[in-house]
Amino acid sequence: MTREDVFTAIAEVVSDRTDTAREDVQEESTFRDLGVDSLDTVEILMELEDKLGTEIELDRKISTVGDLVSFIVDKEN
């Protein structure tokens, strides 16, 4: 799974969840700026696990979309 694949999956899920335009979701976007709250975070992670076919257990603070992309890509490698 490439970094681009992971980013695309995250952007799609976040866009759908927050009614944010897909093109407005960038790697430097913070989840707070995108309107993601703690409940959204749990639901987004569960949807991403299904979409990407991997378990995502965060063990550090993730602030931006890029942070989450890196976390998932690093975990897979």
PDB file of N, CA and C in Angstrom:
ATOM      1  N   MET A   1       0.845  -1.167   0.000  1.00  0.00           N
ATOM      2  CA  MET A   1       0.000   0.000   0.000  1.00  0.00           C
ATOM      3  C   MET A   1       0.898   1.240   0.000  1.00  0.00           C
ATOM      4  N   THR A   2       0.671   2.093  -0.990  1.00  0.00           N
ATOM      5  CA  THR A   2       1.525   3.270  -1.127  1.00  0.00           C
ATOM      6  C   THR A   2       1.016   4.416  -0.253  1.00  0.00           C
ATOM      7  N   ARG A   3       1.878   5.382  -0.064  1.00  0.00           N
ATOM      8  CA  ARG A   3       1.499   6.580   0.700  1.00  0.00           C
ATOM      9  C   ARG A   3       0.298   7.262   0.035  1.00  0.00           C
ATOM     10  N   GLU A   4       0.320   7.306  -1.286  1.00  0.00           N
ATOM     11  CA  GLU A   4      -0.785   7.924  -2.034  1.00  0.00           C
ATOM     12  C   GLU A   4      -2.100   7.176  -1.803  1.00  0.00           C
ATOM     13  N   ASP A   5      -2.048   5.836  -1.795  1.00  0.00           N
ATOM     14  CA  ASP A   5      -3.252   5.030  -1.534  1.00  0.00           C
ATOM     15  C   ASP A   5      -3.829   5.341  -0.144  1.00  0.00           C
ATOM     16  N   VAL A   6      -2.939   5.412   0.825  1.00  0.00           N
ATOM     17  CA  VAL A   6      -3.371   5.672   2.206  1.00  0.00           C
ATOM     18  C   VAL A   6      -3.960   7.078   2.303  1.00  0.00           C
ATOM     19  N   PHE A   7      -3.285   8.057   1.711  1.00  0.00           N
ATOM     20  CA  PHE A   7      -3.794   9.427   1.749  1.00  0.00           C
ATOM     21  C   PHE A   7      -5.166   9.514   1.089  1.00  0.00           C
ATOM     22  N   THR A   8      -5.314   8.889  -0.068  1.00  0.00           N
ATOM     23  CA  THR A   8      -6.591   8.922  -0.786  1.00  0.00           C
ATOM     24  C   THR A   8      -7.708   8.334   0.062  1.00  0.00           C
ATOM     25  N   ALA A   9      -7.437   7.201   0.709  1.00  0.00           N
ATOM     26  CA  ALA A   9      -8.447   6.566   1.564  1.00  0.00           C
ATOM     27  C   ALA A   9      -8.831   7.487   2.722  1.00  0.00           C
ATOM     28  N   ILE A  10      -7.841   8.079   3.370  1.00  0.00           N
ATOM     29  CA  ILE A  10      -8.108   8.979   4.495  1.00  0.00           C
ATOM     30  C   ILE A  10      -8.897  10.193   4.017  1.00  0.00           C
ATOM     31  N   ALA A  11      -8.474  10.789   2.916  1.00  0.00           N
ATOM     32  CA  ALA A  11      -9.151  11.980   2.401  1.00  0.00           C
ATOM     33  C   ALA A  11     -10.615  11.689   2.071  1.00  0.00           C
ATOM     34  N   GLU A  12     -10.872  10.527   1.477  1.00  0.00           N
ATOM     35  CA  GLU A  12     -12.246  10.162   1.136  1.00  0.00           C
ATOM     36  C   GLU A  12     -13.101   9.993   2.393  1.00  0.00           C
ATOM     37  N   VAL A  13     -12.571   9.287   3.371  1.00  0.00           N
ATOM     38  CA  VAL A  13     -13.328   9.035   4.603  1.00  0.00           C
ATOM     39  C   VAL A  13     -13.575  10.344   5.356  1.00  0.00           C
ATOM     40  N   VAL A  14     -12.547  11.164   5.499  1.00  0.00           N
ATOM     41  CA  VAL A  14     -12.690  12.433   6.216  1.00  0.00           C
ATOM     42  C   VAL A  14     -13.660  13.348   5.470  1.00  0.00           C
ATOM     43  N   SER A  15     -13.549  13.400   4.167  1.00  0.00           N
ATOM     44  CA  SER A  15     -14.437  14.231   3.360  1.00  0.00           C
ATOM     45  C   SER A  15     -15.893  13.821   3.545  1.00  0.00           C
ATOM     46  N   ASP A  16     -16.154  12.526   3.466  1.00  0.00           N
ATOM     47  CA  ASP A  16     -17.517  12.027   3.648  1.00  0.00           C
ATOM     48  C   ASP A  16     -18.038  12.319   5.056  1.00  0.00           C
ATOM     49  N   ARG A  17     -17.194  12.146   6.040  1.00  0.00           N
ATOM     50  CA  ARG A  17     -17.597  12.279   7.448  1.00  0.00           C
ATOM     51  C   ARG A  17     -17.858  13.714   7.842  1.00  0.00           C
ATOM     52  N   THR A  18     -17.110  14.646   7.256  1.00  0.00           N
ATOM     53  CA  THR A  18     -17.177  16.038   7.693  1.00  0.00           C
ATOM     54  C   THR A  18     -17.847  16.956   6.679  1.00  0.00           C
ATOM     55  N   ASP A  19     -18.282  16.413   5.565  1.00  0.00           N
ATOM     56  CA  ASP A  19     -18.860  17.224   4.483  1.00  0.00           C
ATOM     57  C   ASP A  19     -17.879  18.291   3.991  1.00  0.00           C
ATOM     58  N   THR A  20     -16.600  17.948   4.050  1.00  0.00           N
ATOM     59  CA  THR A  20     -15.547  18.810   3.524  1.00  0.00           C
ATOM     60  C   THR A  20     -15.260  18.365   2.098  1.00  0.00           C
ATOM     61  N   ALA A  21     -15.037  19.307   1.205  1.00  0.00           N
ATOM     62  CA  ALA A  21     -14.697  18.944  -0.167  1.00  0.00           C
ATOM     63  C   ALA A  21     -13.420  18.114  -0.172  1.00  0.00           C
ATOM     64  N   ARG A  22     -13.389  17.068  -0.953  1.00  0.00           N
ATOM     65  CA  ARG A  22     -12.240  16.151  -1.008  1.00  0.00           C
ATOM     66  C   ARG A  22     -10.936  16.901  -1.271  1.00  0.00           C
ATOM     67  N   GLU A  23     -10.994  17.879  -2.180  1.00  0.00           N
ATOM     68  CA  GLU A  23      -9.767  18.617  -2.528  1.00  0.00           C
ATOM     69  C   GLU A  23      -9.300  19.544  -1.404  1.00  0.00           C
ATOM     70  N   ASP A  24     -10.145  19.790  -0.418  1.00  0.00           N
ATOM     71  CA  ASP A  24      -9.747  20.614   0.735  1.00  0.00           C
ATOM     72  C   ASP A  24      -9.018  19.807   1.809  1.00  0.00           C
ATOM     73  N   VAL A  25      -9.033  18.501   1.679  1.00  0.00           N
ATOM     74  CA  VAL A  25      -8.316  17.645   2.633  1.00  0.00           C
ATOM     75  C   VAL A  25      -6.896  17.463   2.106  1.00  0.00           C
ATOM     76  N   GLN A  26      -5.941  18.062   2.803  1.00  0.00           N
ATOM     77  CA  GLN A  26      -4.531  18.003   2.410  1.00  0.00           C
ATOM     78  C   GLN A  26      -3.728  17.335   3.519  1.00  0.00           C
ATOM     79  N   GLU A  27      -2.511  16.912   3.209  1.00  0.00           N
ATOM     80  CA  GLU A  27      -1.683  16.256   4.236  1.00  0.00           C
ATOM     81  C   GLU A  27      -1.413  17.184   5.414  1.00  0.00           C
ATOM     82  N   GLU A  28      -1.325  18.478   5.160  1.00  0.00           N
ATOM     83  CA  GLU A  28      -1.038  19.410   6.255  1.00  0.00           C
ATOM     84  C   GLU A  28      -2.298  19.837   7.011  1.00  0.00           C
ATOM     85  N   SER A  29      -3.465  19.412   6.557  1.00  0.00           N
ATOM     86  CA  SER A  29      -4.719  19.739   7.247  1.00  0.00           C
ATOM     87  C   SER A  29      -4.747  19.093   8.628  1.00  0.00           C
ATOM     88  N   THR A  30      -5.126  19.880   9.636  1.00  0.00           N
ATOM     89  CA  THR A  30      -5.295  19.284  10.963  1.00  0.00           C
ATOM     90  C   THR A  30      -6.715  18.740  11.063  1.00  0.00           C
ATOM     91  N   PHE A  31      -6.860  17.707  11.863  1.00  0.00           N
ATOM     92  CA  PHE A  31      -8.189  17.134  12.047  1.00  0.00           C
ATOM     93  C   PHE A  31      -9.118  18.149  12.706  1.00  0.00           C
ATOM     94  N   ARG A  32      -8.587  18.951  13.587  1.00  0.00           N
ATOM     95  CA  ARG A  32      -9.387  19.996  14.243  1.00  0.00           C
ATOM     96  C   ARG A  32      -9.922  20.981  13.210  1.00  0.00           C
ATOM     97  N   ASP A  33      -9.053  21.432  12.298  1.00  0.00           N
ATOM     98  CA  ASP A  33      -9.484  22.378  11.260  1.00  0.00           C
ATOM     99  C   ASP A  33     -10.535  21.765  10.334  1.00  0.00           C
ATOM    100  N   LEU A  34     -10.494  20.451  10.176  1.00  0.00           N
ATOM    101  CA  LEU A  34     -11.466  19.759   9.317  1.00  0.00           C
ATOM    102  C   LEU A  34     -12.774  19.475  10.054  1.00  0.00           C
ATOM    103  N   GLY A  35     -12.830  19.818  11.346  1.00  0.00           N
ATOM    104  CA  GLY A  35     -14.048  19.630  12.115  1.00  0.00           C
ATOM    105  C   GLY A  35     -14.218  18.231  12.671  1.00  0.00           C
ATOM    106  N   VAL A  36     -13.117  17.502  12.816  1.00  0.00           N
ATOM    107  CA  VAL A  36     -13.156  16.136  13.346  1.00  0.00           C
ATOM    108  C   VAL A  36     -13.092  16.194  14.868  1.00  0.00           C
ATOM    109  N   ASP A  37     -14.107  15.621  15.534  1.00  0.00           N
ATOM    110  CA  ASP A  37     -14.092  15.554  16.993  1.00  0.00           C
ATOM    111  C   ASP A  37     -13.709  14.140  17.429  1.00  0.00           C
ATOM    112  N   SER A  38     -13.724  13.891  18.730  1.00  0.00           N
ATOM    113  CA  SER A  38     -13.246  12.599  19.235  1.00  0.00           C
ATOM    114  C   SER A  38     -14.114  11.432  18.761  1.00  0.00           C
ATOM    115  N   LEU A  39     -15.417  11.621  18.681  1.00  0.00           N
ATOM    116  CA  LEU A  39     -16.290  10.556  18.178  1.00  0.00           C
ATOM    117  C   LEU A  39     -16.018  10.299  16.700  1.00  0.00           C
ATOM    118  N   ASP A  40     -15.860  11.371  15.939  1.00  0.00           N
ATOM    119  CA  ASP A  40     -15.522  11.222  14.525  1.00  0.00           C
ATOM    120  C   ASP A  40     -14.220  10.447  14.357  1.00  0.00           C
ATOM    121  N   THR A  41     -13.248  10.725  15.210  1.00  0.00           N
ATOM    122  CA  THR A  41     -11.951  10.063  15.121  1.00  0.00           C
ATOM    123  C   THR A  41     -12.104   8.551  15.223  1.00  0.00           C
ATOM    124  N   VAL A  42     -12.854   8.106  16.202  1.00  0.00           N
ATOM    125  CA  VAL A  42     -13.066   6.662  16.384  1.00  0.00           C
ATOM    126  C   VAL A  42     -13.740   6.068  15.150  1.00  0.00           C
ATOM    127  N   GLU A  43     -14.771   6.727  14.667  1.00  0.00           N
ATOM    128  CA  GLU A  43     -15.508   6.210  13.520  1.00  0.00           C
ATOM    129  C   GLU A  43     -14.672   6.255  12.242  1.00  0.00           C
ATOM    130  N   ILE A  44     -13.877   7.296  12.081  1.00  0.00           N
ATOM    131  CA  ILE A  44     -12.989   7.391  10.914  1.00  0.00           C
ATOM    132  C   ILE A  44     -11.967   6.255  10.943  1.00  0.00           C
ATOM    133  N   LEU A  45     -11.375   6.006  12.109  1.00  0.00           N
ATOM    134  CA  LEU A  45     -10.383   4.934  12.214  1.00  0.00           C
ATOM    135  C   LEU A  45     -11.006   3.572  11.922  1.00  0.00           C
ATOM    136  N   MET A  46     -12.222   3.331  12.401  1.00  0.00           N
ATOM    137  CA  MET A  46     -12.881   2.049  12.139  1.00  0.00           C
ATOM    138  C   MET A  46     -13.163   1.890  10.639  1.00  0.00           C
ATOM    139  N   GLU A  47     -13.604   2.952  10.006  1.00  0.00           N
ATOM    140  CA  GLU A  47     -13.870   2.896   8.570  1.00  0.00           C
ATOM    141  C   GLU A  47     -12.580   2.688   7.781  1.00  0.00           C
ATOM    142  N   LEU A  48     -11.508   3.342   8.201  1.00  0.00           N
ATOM    143  CA  LEU A  48     -10.216   3.166   7.531  1.00  0.00           C
ATOM    144  C   LEU A  48      -9.691   1.740   7.687  1.00  0.00           C
ATOM    145  N   GLU A  49      -9.889   1.154   8.865  1.00  0.00           N
ATOM    146  CA  GLU A  49      -9.463  -0.237   9.070  1.00  0.00           C
ATOM    147  C   GLU A  49     -10.151  -1.146   8.061  1.00  0.00           C
ATOM    148  N   ASP A  50     -11.438  -0.949   7.860  1.00  0.00           N
ATOM    149  CA  ASP A  50     -12.178  -1.747   6.877  1.00  0.00           C
ATOM    150  C   ASP A  50     -11.687  -1.476   5.463  1.00  0.00           C
ATOM    151  N   LYS A  51     -11.530  -0.216   5.138  1.00  0.00           N
ATOM    152  CA  LYS A  51     -11.153   0.193   3.780  1.00  0.00           C
ATOM    153  C   LYS A  51      -9.732  -0.257   3.420  1.00  0.00           C
ATOM    154  N   LEU A  52      -8.816  -0.168   4.394  1.00  0.00           N
ATOM    155  CA  LEU A  52      -7.410  -0.493   4.131  1.00  0.00           C
ATOM    156  C   LEU A  52      -7.050  -1.930   4.502  1.00  0.00           C
ATOM    157  N   GLY A  53      -7.937  -2.601   5.217  1.00  0.00           N
ATOM    158  CA  GLY A  53      -7.673  -3.976   5.613  1.00  0.00           C
ATOM    159  C   GLY A  53      -6.541  -4.115   6.613  1.00  0.00           C
ATOM    160  N   THR A  54      -6.433  -3.159   7.520  1.00  0.00           N
ATOM    161  CA  THR A  54      -5.384  -3.202   8.530  1.00  0.00           C
ATOM    162  C   THR A  54      -5.926  -2.660   9.848  1.00  0.00           C
ATOM    163  N   GLU A  55      -5.332  -3.098  10.941  1.00  0.00           N
ATOM    164  CA  GLU A  55      -5.723  -2.601  12.255  1.00  0.00           C
ATOM    165  C   GLU A  55      -4.939  -1.328  12.553  1.00  0.00           C
ATOM    166  N   ILE A  56      -5.636  -0.327  13.055  1.00  0.00           N
ATOM    167  CA  ILE A  56      -4.992   0.950  13.366  1.00  0.00           C
ATOM    168  C   ILE A  56      -5.182   1.224  14.850  1.00  0.00           C
ATOM    169  N   GLU A  57      -4.112   1.053  15.612  1.00  0.00           N
ATOM    170  CA  GLU A  57      -4.132   1.374  17.036  1.00  0.00           C
ATOM    171  C   GLU A  57      -3.147   2.500  17.273  1.00  0.00           C
ATOM    172  N   LEU A  58      -3.675   3.685  17.489  1.00  0.00           N
ATOM    173  CA  LEU A  58      -2.809   4.846  17.669  1.00  0.00           C
ATOM    174  C   LEU A  58      -2.114   4.772  19.018  1.00  0.00           C
ATOM    175  N   ASP A  59      -0.806   4.952  18.979  1.00  0.00           N
ATOM    176  CA  ASP A  59      -0.032   4.940  20.220  1.00  0.00           C
ATOM    177  C   ASP A  59       0.707   6.261  20.412  1.00  0.00           C
ATOM    178  N   ARG A  60       0.302   7.244  19.630  1.00  0.00           N
ATOM    179  CA  ARG A  60       0.868   8.590  19.760  1.00  0.00           C
ATOM    180  C   ARG A  60      -0.155   9.596  19.225  1.00  0.00           C
ATOM    181  N   LYS A  61       0.080  10.855  19.543  1.00  0.00           N
ATOM    182  CA  LYS A  61      -0.842  11.908  19.111  1.00  0.00           C
ATOM    183  C   LYS A  61      -0.691  12.154  17.617  1.00  0.00           C
ATOM    184  N   ILE A  62      -1.806  12.182  16.950  1.00  0.00           N
ATOM    185  CA  ILE A  62      -1.845  12.434  15.518  1.00  0.00           C
ATOM    186  C   ILE A  62      -2.630  13.729  15.315  1.00  0.00           C
ATOM    187  N   SER A  63      -2.002  14.745  14.741  1.00  0.00           N
ATOM    188  CA  SER A  63      -2.661  16.042  14.590  1.00  0.00           C
ATOM    189  C   SER A  63      -3.121  16.336  13.168  1.00  0.00           C
ATOM    190  N   THR A  64      -2.337  15.850  12.196  1.00  0.00           N
ATOM    191  CA  THR A  64      -2.657  16.179  10.806  1.00  0.00           C
ATOM    192  C   THR A  64      -2.948  14.917   9.999  1.00  0.00           C
ATOM    193  N   VAL A  65      -3.540  15.129   8.842  1.00  0.00           N
ATOM    194  CA  VAL A  65      -3.790  14.019   7.925  1.00  0.00           C
ATOM    195  C   VAL A  65      -2.465  13.355   7.575  1.00  0.00           C
ATOM    196  N   GLY A  66      -1.435  14.143   7.327  1.00  0.00           N
ATOM    197  CA  GLY A  66      -0.114  13.606   6.995  1.00  0.00           C
ATOM    198  C   GLY A  66       0.465  12.754   8.113  1.00  0.00           C
ATOM    199  N   ASP A  67       0.236  13.163   9.369  1.00  0.00           N
ATOM    200  CA  ASP A  67       0.691  12.359  10.514  1.00  0.00           C
ATOM    201  C   ASP A  67       0.057  10.968  10.468  1.00  0.00           C
ATOM    202  N   LEU A  68      -1.250  10.933  10.163  1.00  0.00           N
ATOM    203  CA  LEU A  68      -1.945   9.648  10.116  1.00  0.00           C
ATOM    204  C   LEU A  68      -1.472   8.813   8.936  1.00  0.00           C
ATOM    205  N   VAL A  69      -1.249   9.449   7.798  1.00  0.00           N
ATOM    206  CA  VAL A  69      -0.718   8.734   6.625  1.00  0.00           C
ATOM    207  C   VAL A  69       0.620   8.091   6.992  1.00  0.00           C
ATOM    208  N   SER A  70       1.521   8.872   7.570  1.00  0.00           N
ATOM    209  CA  SER A  70       2.842   8.364   7.949  1.00  0.00           C
ATOM    210  C   SER A  70       2.727   7.223   8.954  1.00  0.00           C
ATOM    211  N   PHE A  71       1.854   7.375   9.946  1.00  0.00           N
ATOM    212  CA  PHE A  71       1.669   6.337  10.955  1.00  0.00           C
ATOM    213  C   PHE A  71       1.256   5.019  10.305  1.00  0.00           C
ATOM    214  N   ILE A  72       0.289   5.068   9.407  1.00  0.00           N
ATOM    215  CA  ILE A  72      -0.205   3.850   8.762  1.00  0.00           C
ATOM    216  C   ILE A  72       0.839   3.254   7.837  1.00  0.00           C
ATOM    217  N   VAL A  73       1.491   4.079   7.035  1.00  0.00           N
ATOM    218  CA  VAL A  73       2.505   3.589   6.093  1.00  0.00           C
ATOM    219  C   VAL A  73       3.682   2.972   6.867  1.00  0.00           C
ATOM    220  N   ASP A  74       4.146   3.637   7.927  1.00  0.00           N
ATOM    221  CA  ASP A  74       5.248   3.105   8.733  1.00  0.00           C
ATOM    222  C   ASP A  74       4.885   1.790   9.391  1.00  0.00           C
ATOM    223  N   LYS A  75       3.645   1.664   9.840  1.00  0.00           N
ATOM    224  CA  LYS A  75       3.175   0.444  10.496  1.00  0.00           C
ATOM    225  C   LYS A  75       3.160  -0.741   9.523  1.00  0.00           C
ATOM    226  N   GLU A  76       2.832  -0.443   8.278  1.00  0.00           N
ATOM    227  CA  GLU A  76       2.733  -1.492   7.265  1.00  0.00           C
ATOM    228  C   GLU A  76       4.098  -1.958   6.774  1.00  0.00           C
ATOM    229  N   ASN A  77       5.113  -1.139   6.936  1.00  0.00           N
ATOM    230  CA  ASN A  77       6.460  -1.489   6.426  1.00  0.00           C
ATOM    231  C   ASN A  77       7.335  -2.082   7.486  1.00  0.00           C
TER     232      ASN A  77
END
